[in-house]
Amino acid sequence: MTARLRRVLEARSFRAWPPLESARHDGWVLRYAGGYSRRTNSVTPDGDAVEGLDERLEFCRRWYADRGLSLLVRLTSGSHQVDAALATRGFTLETPVDILTRAELPMRAHDAGVSITRGPTDAWFRFHRPLLGADRRDFVDSWRRILASVEPPTGFALLEADGRRVAGGFAVADQDWVGLFQLAVHPQHRRRGFGRRLSENLLAWGAAEGATQGYLQVEEANTAGVGLYRTLGFRPAYSYWYRRVGR
């Protein structure tokens, strides 16, 4: 994985999942989205320099405290000096995530069970809201605002089987890349191939929008998801993780 590819995917992924507010300080990018999701409520260092680290951390700590949040630093592959420095300052490790990419996309997917709309419908929200983690259910308004602010073309998918909605997710087509987000299969309907069908249909939607490659993000702890995506042809590109200020 090249540094250029990492920069490209970082830019694409933040256009697909944008913060509601952002700021820069000494090369670091601070993002805020009302508390919903770590990605859009954390600061990302630019580069791996540790000079002036404590001043940057204090600025970021105050910035997030003004918004009712504790300081969360998001680090990517290539930020190991900053990571080590944060560890020595008592920042705890959270949620390692892998970025996976797929070089080729399906050109079409004829699946009568999958519907894809340009925006999130009420039915899409009704399917997803009960599946949100307990730490996200108090931030539904922020979630809706994030989705409403995505600028590249979006496709929101629901998969129905036996008269029930069993899977959902969305895709963002940004030039030559299509990203898959919030892929979910209802717990009562897992291990029946619905995740594969949903993913293939969203990738095909992206190809129809002009994309030639796909990417997604999956937590390392989600071994079932990692296994599925590998069978779909996704391969690791780089990783990111978080360090939270000690409480």
C-alpha atoms as a PDB file:
ATOM      1  CA  MET A   1       0.000   0.000   0.000  1.00  0.00           C
ATOM      2  CA  THR A   2       1.395   3.359  -1.008  1.00  0.00           C
ATOM      3  CA  ALA A   3       1.084   6.613   0.897  1.00  0.00           C
ATOM      4  CA  ARG A   4      -0.704   8.039  -2.139  1.00  0.00           C
ATOM      5  CA  LEU A   5      -3.398   5.349  -2.025  1.00  0.00           C
ATOM      6  CA  ARG A   6      -3.888   5.994   1.680  1.00  0.00           C
ATOM      7  CA  ARG A   7      -4.352   9.721   1.007  1.00  0.00           C
ATOM      8  CA  VAL A   8      -6.833   8.987  -1.790  1.00  0.00           C
ATOM      9  CA  LEU A   9      -8.945   6.658   0.341  1.00  0.00           C
ATOM     10  CA  GLU A  10      -8.812   8.955   3.352  1.00  0.00           C
ATOM     11  CA  ALA A  11     -10.178  11.784   1.237  1.00  0.00           C
ATOM     12  CA  ARG A  12     -12.859   9.591  -0.344  1.00  0.00           C
ATOM     13  CA  SER A  13     -13.977   8.105   2.957  1.00  0.00           C
ATOM     14  CA  PHE A  14     -14.368  11.469   4.653  1.00  0.00           C
ATOM     15  CA  ARG A  15     -16.393  12.804   1.738  1.00  0.00           C
ATOM     16  CA  ALA A  16     -18.576   9.724   2.130  1.00  0.00           C
ATOM     17  CA  TRP A  17     -18.889  10.124   5.900  1.00  0.00           C
ATOM     18  CA  PRO A  18     -18.391  13.850   6.527  1.00  0.00           C
ATOM     19  CA  PRO A  19     -18.214  15.676   9.843  1.00  0.00           C
ATOM     20  CA  LEU A  20     -20.648  18.456  10.598  1.00  0.00           C
ATOM     21  CA  GLU A  21     -17.805  20.730  11.698  1.00  0.00           C
ATOM     22  CA  SER A  22     -14.066  20.642  11.117  1.00  0.00           C
ATOM     23  CA  ALA A  23     -11.000  22.717  11.946  1.00  0.00           C
ATOM     24  CA  ARG A  24      -7.239  22.591  11.464  1.00  0.00           C
ATOM     25  CA  HIS A  25      -4.523  23.193  14.002  1.00  0.00           C
ATOM     26  CA  ASP A  26      -0.844  22.902  13.156  1.00  0.00           C
ATOM     27  CA  GLY A  27      -1.584  20.338  10.460  1.00  0.00           C
ATOM     28  CA  TRP A  28      -3.985  18.247  12.558  1.00  0.00           C
ATOM     29  CA  VAL A  29      -7.592  17.938  11.364  1.00  0.00           C
ATOM     30  CA  LEU A  30     -10.278  18.119  14.043  1.00  0.00           C
ATOM     31  CA  ARG A  31     -13.732  16.766  13.211  1.00  0.00           C
ATOM     32  CA  TYR A  32     -17.025  16.927  15.066  1.00  0.00           C
ATOM     33  CA  ALA A  33     -20.452  15.465  14.292  1.00  0.00           C
ATOM     34  CA  GLY A  34     -22.542  15.771  17.415  1.00  0.00           C
ATOM     35  CA  GLY A  35     -21.029  12.683  19.047  1.00  0.00           C
ATOM     36  CA  TYR A  36     -22.145  10.126  16.428  1.00  0.00           C
ATOM     37  CA  SER A  37     -19.298   7.812  15.313  1.00  0.00           C
ATOM     38  CA  ARG A  38     -15.665   7.934  16.297  1.00  0.00           C
ATOM     39  CA  ARG A  39     -14.433   8.840  12.797  1.00  0.00           C
ATOM     40  CA  THR A  40     -16.237  12.166  12.708  1.00  0.00           C
ATOM     41  CA  ASN A  41     -15.601  13.061  16.350  1.00  0.00           C
ATOM     42  CA  SER A  42     -11.844  12.675  16.483  1.00  0.00           C
ATOM     43  CA  VAL A  43      -8.664  14.439  15.422  1.00  0.00           C
ATOM     44  CA  THR A  44      -6.329  13.022  12.769  1.00  0.00           C
ATOM     45  CA  PRO A  45      -2.636  13.988  12.818  1.00  0.00           C
ATOM     46  CA  ASP A  46      -1.053  14.979   9.524  1.00  0.00           C
ATOM     47  CA  GLY A  47       2.193  13.025   9.411  1.00  0.00           C
ATOM     48  CA  ASP A  48       4.121  11.403  12.217  1.00  0.00           C
ATOM     49  CA  ALA A  49       5.967  14.302  13.850  1.00  0.00           C
ATOM     50  CA  VAL A  50       6.021  14.395  17.656  1.00  0.00           C
ATOM     51  CA  GLU A  51       7.606  17.839  18.073  1.00  0.00           C
ATOM     52  CA  GLY A  52       5.131  20.165  19.759  1.00  0.00           C
ATOM     53  CA  LEU A  53       2.845  17.222  20.525  1.00  0.00           C
ATOM     54  CA  ASP A  54       1.749  18.382  23.977  1.00  0.00           C
ATOM     55  CA  GLU A  55       0.686  21.798  22.688  1.00  0.00           C
ATOM     56  CA  ARG A  56      -1.366  20.173  19.917  1.00  0.00           C
ATOM     57  CA  LEU A  57      -2.981  17.787  22.363  1.00  0.00           C
ATOM     58  CA  GLU A  58      -3.928  20.592  24.753  1.00  0.00           C
ATOM     59  CA  PHE A  59      -5.486  22.631  21.927  1.00  0.00           C
ATOM     60  CA  CYS A  60      -7.468  19.586  20.756  1.00  0.00           C
ATOM     61  CA  ARG A  61      -8.512  18.686  24.286  1.00  0.00           C
ATOM     62  CA  ARG A  62     -10.007  22.149  24.786  1.00  0.00           C
ATOM     63  CA  TRP A  63     -11.648  22.113  21.336  1.00  0.00           C
ATOM     64  CA  TYR A  64     -13.491  18.869  22.054  1.00  0.00           C
ATOM     65  CA  ALA A  65     -14.272  19.815  25.663  1.00  0.00           C
ATOM     66  CA  ASP A  66     -16.053  22.901  24.331  1.00  0.00           C
ATOM     67  CA  ARG A  67     -18.272  20.471  22.386  1.00  0.00           C
ATOM     68  CA  GLY A  68     -18.882  18.113  25.300  1.00  0.00           C
ATOM     69  CA  LEU A  69     -16.518  15.346  24.178  1.00  0.00           C
ATOM     70  CA  SER A  70     -13.281  13.844  25.441  1.00  0.00           C
ATOM     71  CA  LEU A  71     -10.238  13.898  23.189  1.00  0.00           C
ATOM     72  CA  LEU A  72     -10.029  11.009  20.716  1.00  0.00           C
ATOM     73  CA  VAL A  73      -7.086  10.748  18.297  1.00  0.00           C
ATOM     74  CA  ARG A  74      -7.457   8.760  15.088  1.00  0.00           C
ATOM     75  CA  LEU A  75      -4.200   7.300  13.780  1.00  0.00           C
ATOM     76  CA  THR A  76      -3.469   5.600  10.471  1.00  0.00           C
ATOM     77  CA  SER A  77      -0.700   3.347   9.239  1.00  0.00           C
ATOM     78  CA  GLY A  78       2.404   5.518   9.149  1.00  0.00           C
ATOM     79  CA  SER A  79       1.682   7.317  12.448  1.00  0.00           C
ATOM     80  CA  HIS A  80       3.615   5.004  14.751  1.00  0.00           C
ATOM     81  CA  GLN A  81       5.778   7.653  16.422  1.00  0.00           C
ATOM     82  CA  VAL A  82       2.713   9.647  17.437  1.00  0.00           C
ATOM     83  CA  ASP A  83       1.009   6.437  18.516  1.00  0.00           C
ATOM     84  CA  ALA A  84       3.917   5.467  20.778  1.00  0.00           C
ATOM     85  CA  ALA A  85       4.068   8.977  22.236  1.00  0.00           C
ATOM     86  CA  LEU A  86       0.362   8.908  23.036  1.00  0.00           C
ATOM     87  CA  ALA A  87       0.693   5.502  24.680  1.00  0.00           C
ATOM     88  CA  THR A  88       3.396   6.834  27.006  1.00  0.00           C
ATOM     89  CA  ARG A  89       1.020   9.683  27.938  1.00  0.00           C
ATOM     90  CA  GLY A  90      -1.684   7.249  29.018  1.00  0.00           C
ATOM     91  CA  PHE A  91      -3.888   7.323  25.916  1.00  0.00           C
ATOM     92  CA  THR A  92      -5.711   4.003  25.644  1.00  0.00           C
ATOM     93  CA  LEU A  93      -6.063   2.004  22.431  1.00  0.00           C
ATOM     94  CA  GLU A  94      -9.543   1.626  20.888  1.00  0.00           C
ATOM     95  CA  THR A  95     -11.126  -0.083  17.890  1.00  0.00           C
ATOM     96  CA  PRO A  96      -8.518  -1.091  15.293  1.00  0.00           C
ATOM     97  CA  VAL A  97     -10.112  -0.910  11.826  1.00  0.00           C
ATOM     98  CA  ASP A  98      -8.928  -2.280   8.475  1.00  0.00           C
ATOM     99  CA  ILE A  99      -9.519  -0.543   5.145  1.00  0.00           C
ATOM    100  CA  LEU A 100     -10.111  -3.194   2.490  1.00  0.00           C
ATOM    101  CA  THR A 101     -10.124  -2.645  -1.264  1.00  0.00           C
ATOM    102  CA  ARG A 102     -11.388  -4.582  -4.262  1.00  0.00           C
ATOM    103  CA  ALA A 103      -9.792  -4.068  -7.675  1.00  0.00           C
ATOM    104  CA  GLU A 104     -12.715  -5.107  -9.892  1.00  0.00           C
ATOM    105  CA  LEU A 105     -16.445  -4.536  -9.589  1.00  0.00           C
ATOM    106  CA  PRO A 106     -19.428  -6.586 -10.775  1.00  0.00           C
ATOM    107  CA  MET A 107     -20.961  -4.838 -13.767  1.00  0.00           C
ATOM    108  CA  ARG A 108     -24.528  -5.775 -12.932  1.00  0.00           C
ATOM    109  CA  ALA A 109     -26.488  -7.578 -10.252  1.00  0.00           C
ATOM    110  CA  HIS A 110     -30.015  -8.735 -11.071  1.00  0.00           C
ATOM    111  CA  ASP A 111     -31.536  -9.173  -7.633  1.00  0.00           C
ATOM    112  CA  ALA A 112     -35.248  -8.549  -7.304  1.00  0.00           C
ATOM    113  CA  GLY A 113     -34.927  -8.554  -3.520  1.00  0.00           C
ATOM    114  CA  VAL A 114     -32.683  -5.480  -3.418  1.00  0.00           C
ATOM    115  CA  SER A 115     -33.975  -1.936  -3.789  1.00  0.00           C
ATOM    116  CA  ILE A 116     -31.589   1.021  -4.054  1.00  0.00           C
ATOM    117  CA  THR A 117     -32.642   4.654  -3.659  1.00  0.00           C
ATOM    118  CA  ARG A 118     -30.661   7.873  -4.014  1.00  0.00           C
ATOM    119  CA  GLY A 119     -31.345   8.899  -0.434  1.00  0.00           C
ATOM    120  CA  PRO A 120     -32.223   7.151   2.842  1.00  0.00           C
ATOM    121  CA  THR A 121     -35.925   6.383   3.023  1.00  0.00           C
ATOM    122  CA  ASP A 122     -37.988   6.109   6.200  1.00  0.00           C
ATOM    123  CA  ALA A 123     -37.932   2.330   5.684  1.00  0.00           C
ATOM    124  CA  TRP A 124     -34.119   2.394   5.523  1.00  0.00           C
ATOM    125  CA  PHE A 125     -33.922   4.274   8.820  1.00  0.00           C
ATOM    126  CA  ARG A 126     -36.495   1.974  10.449  1.00  0.00           C
ATOM    127  CA  PHE A 127     -34.392  -1.048   9.515  1.00  0.00           C
ATOM    128  CA  HIS A 128     -31.100   0.389  10.719  1.00  0.00           C
ATOM    129  CA  ARG A 129     -32.037   2.260  13.888  1.00  0.00           C
ATOM    130  CA  PRO A 130     -32.674  -0.825  16.098  1.00  0.00           C
ATOM    131  CA  LEU A 131     -29.306  -2.237  14.970  1.00  0.00           C
ATOM    132  CA  LEU A 132     -27.273   0.787  16.094  1.00  0.00           C
ATOM    133  CA  GLY A 133     -24.942   0.186  18.994  1.00  0.00           C
ATOM    134  CA  ALA A 134     -26.149   1.344  22.392  1.00  0.00           C
ATOM    135  CA  ASP A 135     -23.534   4.128  22.301  1.00  0.00           C
ATOM    136  CA  ARG A 136     -25.093   5.588  19.139  1.00  0.00           C
ATOM    137  CA  ARG A 137     -28.821   5.503  19.775  1.00  0.00           C
ATOM    138  CA  ASP A 138     -28.838   8.880  21.521  1.00  0.00           C
ATOM    139  CA  PHE A 139     -27.295  10.550  18.452  1.00  0.00           C
ATOM    140  CA  VAL A 140     -29.809   9.708  15.733  1.00  0.00           C
ATOM    141  CA  ASP A 141     -30.299  13.356  14.755  1.00  0.00           C
ATOM    142  CA  SER A 142     -26.552  13.713  14.128  1.00  0.00           C
ATOM    143  CA  TRP A 143     -26.589  10.476  12.116  1.00  0.00           C
ATOM    144  CA  ARG A 144     -29.338  11.823   9.859  1.00  0.00           C
ATOM    145  CA  ARG A 145     -27.472  15.114   9.413  1.00  0.00           C
ATOM    146  CA  ILE A 146     -24.275  13.302   8.443  1.00  0.00           C
ATOM    147  CA  LEU A 147     -26.084  11.291   5.778  1.00  0.00           C
ATOM    148  CA  ALA A 148     -27.872  14.383   4.474  1.00  0.00           C
ATOM    149  CA  SER A 149     -24.554  16.203   4.029  1.00  0.00           C
ATOM    150  CA  VAL A 150     -22.870  13.605   1.788  1.00  0.00           C
ATOM    151  CA  GLU A 151     -22.126  15.325  -1.525  1.00  0.00           C
ATOM    152  CA  PRO A 152     -21.081  12.514  -3.954  1.00  0.00           C
ATOM    153  CA  PRO A 153     -23.802  10.228  -5.378  1.00  0.00           C
ATOM    154  CA  THR A 154     -25.259   7.787  -2.839  1.00  0.00           C
ATOM    155  CA  GLY A 155     -27.192   4.545  -3.081  1.00  0.00           C
ATOM    156  CA  PHE A 156     -29.163   3.326  -0.057  1.00  0.00           C
ATOM    157  CA  ALA A 157     -30.044  -0.354  -0.246  1.00  0.00           C
ATOM    158  CA  LEU A 158     -32.539  -2.625   1.465  1.00  0.00           C
ATOM    159  CA  LEU A 159     -32.752  -6.359   0.872  1.00  0.00           C
ATOM    160  CA  GLU A 160     -36.067  -8.142   1.447  1.00  0.00           C
ATOM    161  CA  ALA A 161     -36.668 -11.876   1.814  1.00  0.00           C
ATOM    162  CA  ASP A 162     -39.835 -13.701   2.804  1.00  0.00           C
ATOM    163  CA  GLY A 163     -41.641 -10.383   3.097  1.00  0.00           C
ATOM    164  CA  ARG A 164     -39.143  -8.923   5.604  1.00  0.00           C
ATOM    165  CA  ARG A 165     -36.293  -6.463   5.418  1.00  0.00           C
ATOM    166  CA  VAL A 166     -33.251  -8.525   6.295  1.00  0.00           C
ATOM    167  CA  ALA A 167     -30.239  -6.402   5.285  1.00  0.00           C
ATOM    168  CA  GLY A 168     -29.327  -2.827   4.473  1.00  0.00           C
ATOM    169  CA  GLY A 169     -26.452  -0.467   3.825  1.00  0.00           C
ATOM    170  CA  PHE A 170     -25.365   2.350   1.574  1.00  0.00           C
ATOM    171  CA  ALA A 171     -22.687   3.151  -0.984  1.00  0.00           C
ATOM    172  CA  VAL A 172     -20.999   6.366  -2.067  1.00  0.00           C
ATOM    173  CA  ALA A 173     -19.607   6.688  -5.597  1.00  0.00           C
ATOM    174  CA  ASP A 174     -16.751   9.177  -5.747  1.00  0.00           C
ATOM    175  CA  GLN A 175     -15.034   9.235  -9.160  1.00  0.00           C
ATOM    176  CA  ASP A 176     -13.249   5.887  -9.613  1.00  0.00           C
ATOM    177  CA  TRP A 177     -14.018   4.547  -6.124  1.00  0.00           C
ATOM    178  CA  VAL A 178     -17.192   3.286  -4.483  1.00  0.00           C
ATOM    179  CA  GLY A 179     -17.279   2.907  -0.720  1.00  0.00           C
ATOM    180  CA  LEU A 180     -19.650   0.647   1.220  1.00  0.00           C
ATOM    181  CA  PHE A 181     -20.953   1.792   4.592  1.00  0.00           C
ATOM    182  CA  GLN A 182     -23.214   0.619   7.407  1.00  0.00           C
ATOM    183  CA  LEU A 183     -23.663  -2.843   5.936  1.00  0.00           C
ATOM    184  CA  ALA A 184     -25.917  -4.750   8.291  1.00  0.00           C
ATOM    185  CA  VAL A 185     -27.833  -8.016   8.322  1.00  0.00           C
ATOM    186  CA  HIS A 186     -30.588  -8.494  10.887  1.00  0.00           C
ATOM    187  CA  PRO A 187     -29.344 -10.880  13.616  1.00  0.00           C
ATOM    188  CA  GLN A 188     -32.217 -13.305  12.953  1.00  0.00           C
ATOM    189  CA  HIS A 189     -31.242 -13.664   9.282  1.00  0.00           C
ATOM    190  CA  ARG A 190     -27.477 -14.015   9.328  1.00  0.00           C
ATOM    191  CA  ARG A 191     -25.421 -16.751   7.636  1.00  0.00           C
ATOM    192  CA  ARG A 192     -27.868 -17.004   4.745  1.00  0.00           C
ATOM    193  CA  GLY A 193     -25.889 -15.083   2.136  1.00  0.00           C
ATOM    194  CA  PHE A 194     -27.747 -11.797   2.533  1.00  0.00           C
ATOM    195  CA  GLY A 195     -24.584  -9.819   3.325  1.00  0.00           C
ATOM    196  CA  ARG A 196     -22.965 -11.064   0.130  1.00  0.00           C
ATOM    197  CA  ARG A 197     -26.016 -10.197  -1.978  1.00  0.00           C
ATOM    198  CA  LEU A 198     -26.272  -6.733  -0.467  1.00  0.00           C
ATOM    199  CA  SER A 199     -22.570  -6.016  -1.022  1.00  0.00           C
ATOM    200  CA  GLU A 200     -22.542  -7.254  -4.618  1.00  0.00           C
ATOM    201  CA  ASN A 201     -25.568  -5.141  -5.504  1.00  0.00           C
ATOM    202  CA  LEU A 202     -24.066  -1.992  -3.997  1.00  0.00           C
ATOM    203  CA  LEU A 203     -20.776  -2.620  -5.793  1.00  0.00           C
ATOM    204  CA  ALA A 204     -22.666  -3.068  -9.064  1.00  0.00           C
ATOM    205  CA  TRP A 205     -24.518   0.188  -8.369  1.00  0.00           C
ATOM    206  CA  GLY A 206     -21.140   1.873  -7.928  1.00  0.00           C
ATOM    207  CA  ALA A 207     -19.892   0.447 -11.226  1.00  0.00           C
ATOM    208  CA  ALA A 208     -22.972   1.872 -12.941  1.00  0.00           C
ATOM    209  CA  GLU A 209     -22.029   5.260 -11.458  1.00  0.00           C
ATOM    210  CA  GLY A 210     -18.572   5.044 -13.026  1.00  0.00           C
ATOM    211  CA  ALA A 211     -16.506   3.502 -10.226  1.00  0.00           C
ATOM    212  CA  THR A 212     -13.894   0.887 -11.058  1.00  0.00           C
ATOM    213  CA  GLN A 213     -12.703  -0.039  -7.543  1.00  0.00           C
ATOM    214  CA  GLY A 214     -14.337  -0.565  -4.174  1.00  0.00           C
ATOM    215  CA  TYR A 215     -13.398  -0.044  -0.545  1.00  0.00           C
ATOM    216  CA  LEU A 216     -14.918  -0.553   2.869  1.00  0.00           C
ATOM    217  CA  GLN A 217     -13.967  -0.391   6.529  1.00  0.00           C
ATOM    218  CA  VAL A 218     -14.306  -3.235   9.000  1.00  0.00           C
ATOM    219  CA  GLU A 219     -13.282  -3.517  12.628  1.00  0.00           C
ATOM    220  CA  GLU A 220     -10.583  -6.119  13.158  1.00  0.00           C
ATOM    221  CA  ALA A 221     -12.720  -7.724  15.868  1.00  0.00           C
ATOM    222  CA  ASN A 222     -15.499  -8.404  13.332  1.00  0.00           C
ATOM    223  CA  THR A 223     -14.066 -11.725  12.184  1.00  0.00           C
ATOM    224  CA  ALA A 224     -17.278 -12.774  10.412  1.00  0.00           C
ATOM    225  CA  GLY A 225     -17.294  -9.564   8.388  1.00  0.00           C
ATOM    226  CA  VAL A 226     -13.597  -9.826   7.564  1.00  0.00           C
ATOM    227  CA  GLY A 227     -14.125 -13.389   6.342  1.00  0.00           C
ATOM    228  CA  LEU A 228     -17.087 -12.404   4.155  1.00  0.00           C
ATOM    229  CA  TYR A 229     -15.293  -9.486   2.547  1.00  0.00           C
ATOM    230  CA  ARG A 230     -12.239 -11.585   1.763  1.00  0.00           C
ATOM    231  CA  THR A 231     -14.445 -14.054  -0.122  1.00  0.00           C
ATOM    232  CA  LEU A 232     -15.805 -11.058  -2.052  1.00  0.00           C
ATOM    233  CA  GLY A 233     -12.299 -10.199  -3.221  1.00  0.00           C
ATOM    234  CA  PHE A 234     -11.443  -7.436  -0.756  1.00  0.00           C
ATOM    235  CA  ARG A 235      -7.856  -7.229   0.448  1.00  0.00           C
ATOM    236  CA  PRO A 236      -6.199  -5.137   3.214  1.00  0.00           C
ATOM    237  CA  ALA A 237      -4.899  -1.715   2.172  1.00  0.00           C
ATOM    238  CA  TYR A 238      -4.118  -0.008   5.476  1.00  0.00           C
ATOM    239  CA  SER A 239      -5.393   0.317   9.031  1.00  0.00           C
ATOM    240  CA  TYR A 240      -6.479   2.979  11.462  1.00  0.00           C
ATOM    241  CA  TRP A 241      -7.136   2.971  15.183  1.00  0.00           C
ATOM    242  CA  TYR A 242      -7.889   5.345  18.029  1.00  0.00           C
ATOM    243  CA  ARG A 243      -6.193   6.575  21.163  1.00  0.00           C
ATOM    244  CA  ARG A 244      -8.431   8.106  23.852  1.00  0.00           C
ATOM    245  CA  VAL A 245      -7.157  10.482  26.480  1.00  0.00           C
ATOM    246  CA  GLY A 246      -7.012   8.879  29.937  1.00  0.00           C
ATOM    247  CA  ARG A 247      -9.915   9.680  32.184  1.00  0.00           C
END
